């Protein structure tokens, strides 16, 4: 199975959390088959908003959400 990673981001209510202020405004940057590609996309998206402390982009390991039991078995 591919190790899918989702890159997304948007305005947060507190820069120390990932509590997005408006879920309808969350930007989905893309879905990637490996972490390195996802990290490159994350860096590019985060760099565009580097001067805005309330904007945050994250990499979500989707493969862990799809098969949570198999991650601990490996």
N, C-alpha and C. Protein backbone atom coordinates (compact mmCIF):
# COMPACT_ATOMS: atom_id res chain seq x y z
N UNK A 1 0.83 -1.18 0.00
CA UNK A 1 0.00 0.00 0.00
C UNK A 1 0.88 1.25 0.00
N UNK A 2 0.47 2.24 -0.75
CA UNK A 2 1.19 3.51 -0.76
C UNK A 2 1.07 4.19 0.59
N UNK A 3 2.08 4.91 0.96
CA UNK A 3 2.05 5.68 2.20
C UNK A 3 1.56 7.09 1.86
N UNK A 4 0.26 7.23 1.77
CA UNK A 4 -0.36 8.48 1.36
C UNK A 4 -0.20 9.58 2.40
N UNK A 5 0.11 10.79 1.93
CA UNK A 5 0.24 11.97 2.79
C UNK A 5 -0.56 13.11 2.18
N UNK A 6 -1.37 13.74 3.01
CA UNK A 6 -2.19 14.88 2.61
C UNK A 6 -1.54 16.15 3.12
N UNK A 7 -1.42 17.14 2.26
CA UNK A 7 -0.91 18.45 2.67
C UNK A 7 -2.07 19.42 2.60
N UNK A 8 -2.31 20.10 3.72
CA UNK A 8 -3.41 21.05 3.80
C UNK A 8 -3.05 22.16 4.76
N UNK A 9 -3.81 23.24 4.70
CA UNK A 9 -3.53 24.33 5.62
C UNK A 9 -4.56 25.44 5.53
N UNK A 10 -4.39 26.39 6.40
CA UNK A 10 -5.29 27.53 6.44
C UNK A 10 -5.06 28.37 7.68
N UNK A 11 -5.95 29.29 7.92
CA UNK A 11 -5.86 30.17 9.07
C UNK A 11 -6.26 29.42 10.33
N UNK A 12 -5.44 29.52 11.38
CA UNK A 12 -5.72 28.86 12.65
C UNK A 12 -6.09 29.89 13.72
N UNK A 13 -6.82 29.44 14.73
CA UNK A 13 -7.22 30.34 15.82
C UNK A 13 -6.06 30.61 16.77
N UNK A 14 -5.13 29.66 16.86
CA UNK A 14 -3.96 29.79 17.72
C UNK A 14 -2.79 29.14 16.98
N UNK A 15 -1.71 29.89 16.75
CA UNK A 15 -0.57 29.34 15.98
C UNK A 15 0.08 28.10 16.59
N UNK A 16 -0.19 27.82 17.86
CA UNK A 16 0.39 26.64 18.49
C UNK A 16 -0.48 25.40 18.33
N UNK A 17 -1.61 25.54 17.64
CA UNK A 17 -2.52 24.41 17.43
C UNK A 17 -2.81 24.25 15.94
N UNK A 18 -3.60 23.25 15.62
CA UNK A 18 -4.09 23.09 14.25
C UNK A 18 -5.62 23.24 14.25
N UNK A 19 -6.12 24.12 15.09
CA UNK A 19 -7.55 24.42 15.16
C UNK A 19 -7.85 25.47 14.08
N UNK A 20 -8.34 25.01 12.94
CA UNK A 20 -8.57 25.91 11.82
C UNK A 20 -9.77 26.80 12.09
N UNK A 21 -9.61 28.09 11.81
CA UNK A 21 -10.65 29.08 12.08
C UNK A 21 -11.89 28.86 11.23
N UNK A 22 -11.71 28.49 9.97
CA UNK A 22 -12.83 28.30 9.06
C UNK A 22 -12.57 27.05 8.21
N UNK A 23 -13.23 25.97 8.54
CA UNK A 23 -13.00 24.72 7.81
C UNK A 23 -13.36 24.81 6.34
N UNK A 24 -14.26 25.72 5.99
CA UNK A 24 -14.62 25.89 4.58
C UNK A 24 -13.51 26.58 3.79
N UNK A 25 -12.58 27.21 4.49
CA UNK A 25 -11.50 27.92 3.82
C UNK A 25 -10.18 27.15 3.84
N UNK A 26 -10.19 25.92 4.35
CA UNK A 26 -8.97 25.12 4.38
C UNK A 26 -8.54 24.80 2.96
N UNK A 27 -7.26 25.01 2.68
CA UNK A 27 -6.71 24.74 1.35
C UNK A 27 -6.13 23.33 1.32
N UNK A 28 -6.57 22.53 0.36
CA UNK A 28 -6.01 21.21 0.17
C UNK A 28 -4.96 21.31 -0.92
N UNK A 29 -3.70 21.23 -0.51
CA UNK A 29 -2.58 21.38 -1.44
C UNK A 29 -2.46 20.15 -2.32
N UNK A 30 -2.61 18.97 -1.73
CA UNK A 30 -2.54 17.76 -2.54
C UNK A 30 -2.36 16.51 -1.72
N UNK A 31 -2.47 15.38 -2.40
CA UNK A 31 -2.29 14.05 -1.82
C UNK A 31 -1.06 13.44 -2.49
N UNK A 32 -0.14 12.94 -1.69
CA UNK A 32 1.15 12.49 -2.22
C UNK A 32 1.43 11.06 -1.78
N UNK A 33 2.15 10.33 -2.62
CA UNK A 33 2.40 8.91 -2.36
C UNK A 33 3.64 8.66 -1.49
N UNK A 34 4.38 9.70 -1.18
CA UNK A 34 5.54 9.53 -0.30
C UNK A 34 5.77 10.82 0.50
N UNK A 35 6.45 10.67 1.62
CA UNK A 35 6.65 11.80 2.52
C UNK A 35 7.50 12.90 1.89
N UNK A 36 8.53 12.53 1.14
CA UNK A 36 9.41 13.54 0.55
C UNK A 36 8.65 14.49 -0.38
N UNK A 37 7.78 13.95 -1.21
CA UNK A 37 6.97 14.80 -2.10
C UNK A 37 6.03 15.68 -1.29
N UNK A 38 5.44 15.11 -0.25
CA UNK A 38 4.53 15.88 0.59
C UNK A 38 5.27 16.99 1.30
N UNK A 39 6.47 16.72 1.77
CA UNK A 39 7.25 17.75 2.46
C UNK A 39 7.62 18.90 1.51
N UNK A 40 7.95 18.59 0.28
CA UNK A 40 8.26 19.65 -0.70
C UNK A 40 7.05 20.53 -0.94
N UNK A 41 5.88 19.92 -1.07
CA UNK A 41 4.65 20.68 -1.27
C UNK A 41 4.33 21.51 -0.03
N UNK A 42 4.52 20.93 1.15
CA UNK A 42 4.29 21.64 2.41
C UNK A 42 5.21 22.86 2.51
N UNK A 43 6.49 22.68 2.21
CA UNK A 43 7.44 23.80 2.28
C UNK A 43 7.05 24.92 1.31
N UNK A 44 6.64 24.57 0.12
CA UNK A 44 6.25 25.58 -0.87
C UNK A 44 5.01 26.34 -0.40
N UNK A 45 4.02 25.63 0.13
CA UNK A 45 2.79 26.28 0.60
C UNK A 45 3.08 27.15 1.82
N UNK A 46 3.86 26.64 2.75
CA UNK A 46 4.17 27.40 3.97
C UNK A 46 5.01 28.64 3.64
N UNK A 47 5.89 28.53 2.67
CA UNK A 47 6.75 29.66 2.30
C UNK A 47 5.93 30.83 1.74
N UNK A 48 4.83 30.51 1.04
CA UNK A 48 3.98 31.58 0.49
C UNK A 48 3.37 32.45 1.58
N UNK A 49 3.17 31.89 2.78
CA UNK A 49 2.53 32.62 3.86
C UNK A 49 3.45 32.78 5.07
N UNK A 50 4.74 32.80 4.84
CA UNK A 50 5.71 32.81 5.93
C UNK A 50 5.54 34.03 6.85
N UNK A 51 5.05 35.14 6.36
CA UNK A 51 4.90 36.35 7.17
C UNK A 51 3.58 36.41 7.92
N UNK A 52 2.72 35.43 7.78
CA UNK A 52 1.42 35.41 8.44
C UNK A 52 1.40 34.31 9.49
N UNK A 53 1.55 34.69 10.77
CA UNK A 53 1.66 33.71 11.85
C UNK A 53 0.39 32.89 12.04
N UNK A 54 -0.73 33.36 11.53
CA UNK A 54 -1.98 32.63 11.71
C UNK A 54 -2.26 31.63 10.59
N UNK A 55 -1.37 31.53 9.64
CA UNK A 55 -1.51 30.54 8.57
C UNK A 55 -0.61 29.35 8.88
N UNK A 56 -1.17 28.16 8.76
CA UNK A 56 -0.40 26.96 9.07
C UNK A 56 -0.74 25.87 8.06
N UNK A 57 0.30 25.18 7.61
CA UNK A 57 0.14 24.04 6.71
C UNK A 57 0.69 22.80 7.42
N UNK A 58 0.07 21.66 7.18
CA UNK A 58 0.46 20.42 7.84
C UNK A 58 0.52 19.28 6.84
N UNK A 59 1.28 18.25 7.21
CA UNK A 59 1.33 17.00 6.46
C UNK A 59 0.61 15.96 7.31
N UNK A 60 -0.43 15.37 6.75
CA UNK A 60 -1.23 14.37 7.46
C UNK A 60 -0.93 12.99 6.86
N UNK A 61 -0.46 12.04 7.69
CA UNK A 61 -0.18 10.69 7.19
C UNK A 61 -1.50 9.91 7.03
N UNK A 62 -2.12 10.04 5.89
CA UNK A 62 -3.43 9.42 5.64
C UNK A 62 -3.36 7.91 5.75
N UNK A 63 -2.27 7.30 5.34
CA UNK A 63 -2.15 5.85 5.40
C UNK A 63 -2.33 5.32 6.82
N UNK A 64 -1.98 6.10 7.81
CA UNK A 64 -2.16 5.68 9.21
C UNK A 64 -3.63 5.71 9.61
N UNK A 65 -4.39 6.60 9.01
CA UNK A 65 -5.81 6.68 9.31
C UNK A 65 -6.58 5.54 8.63
N UNK A 66 -6.10 5.10 7.48
CA UNK A 66 -6.78 4.04 6.72
C UNK A 66 -6.58 2.67 7.34
N UNK A 67 -5.42 2.44 7.90
CA UNK A 67 -5.11 1.13 8.52
C UNK A 67 -4.41 1.34 9.85
N UNK A 68 -5.10 1.85 10.85
CA UNK A 68 -4.45 2.16 12.14
C UNK A 68 -3.87 0.95 12.86
N UNK A 69 -4.46 -0.23 12.71
CA UNK A 69 -3.99 -1.40 13.41
C UNK A 69 -2.70 -1.96 12.86
N UNK A 70 -2.45 -1.80 11.58
CA UNK A 70 -1.26 -2.38 10.96
C UNK A 70 0.00 -1.56 11.25
N UNK A 71 -0.13 -0.29 11.59
CA UNK A 71 1.03 0.55 11.88
C UNK A 71 1.77 0.06 13.11
N UNK A 72 1.07 -0.35 14.13
CA UNK A 72 1.69 -0.80 15.37
C UNK A 72 2.25 -2.22 15.26
N UNK A 73 1.74 -2.98 14.32
CA UNK A 73 2.18 -4.37 14.16
C UNK A 73 3.53 -4.47 13.47
N UNK A 74 3.90 -3.44 12.70
CA UNK A 74 5.16 -3.51 11.94
C UNK A 74 6.38 -3.27 12.78
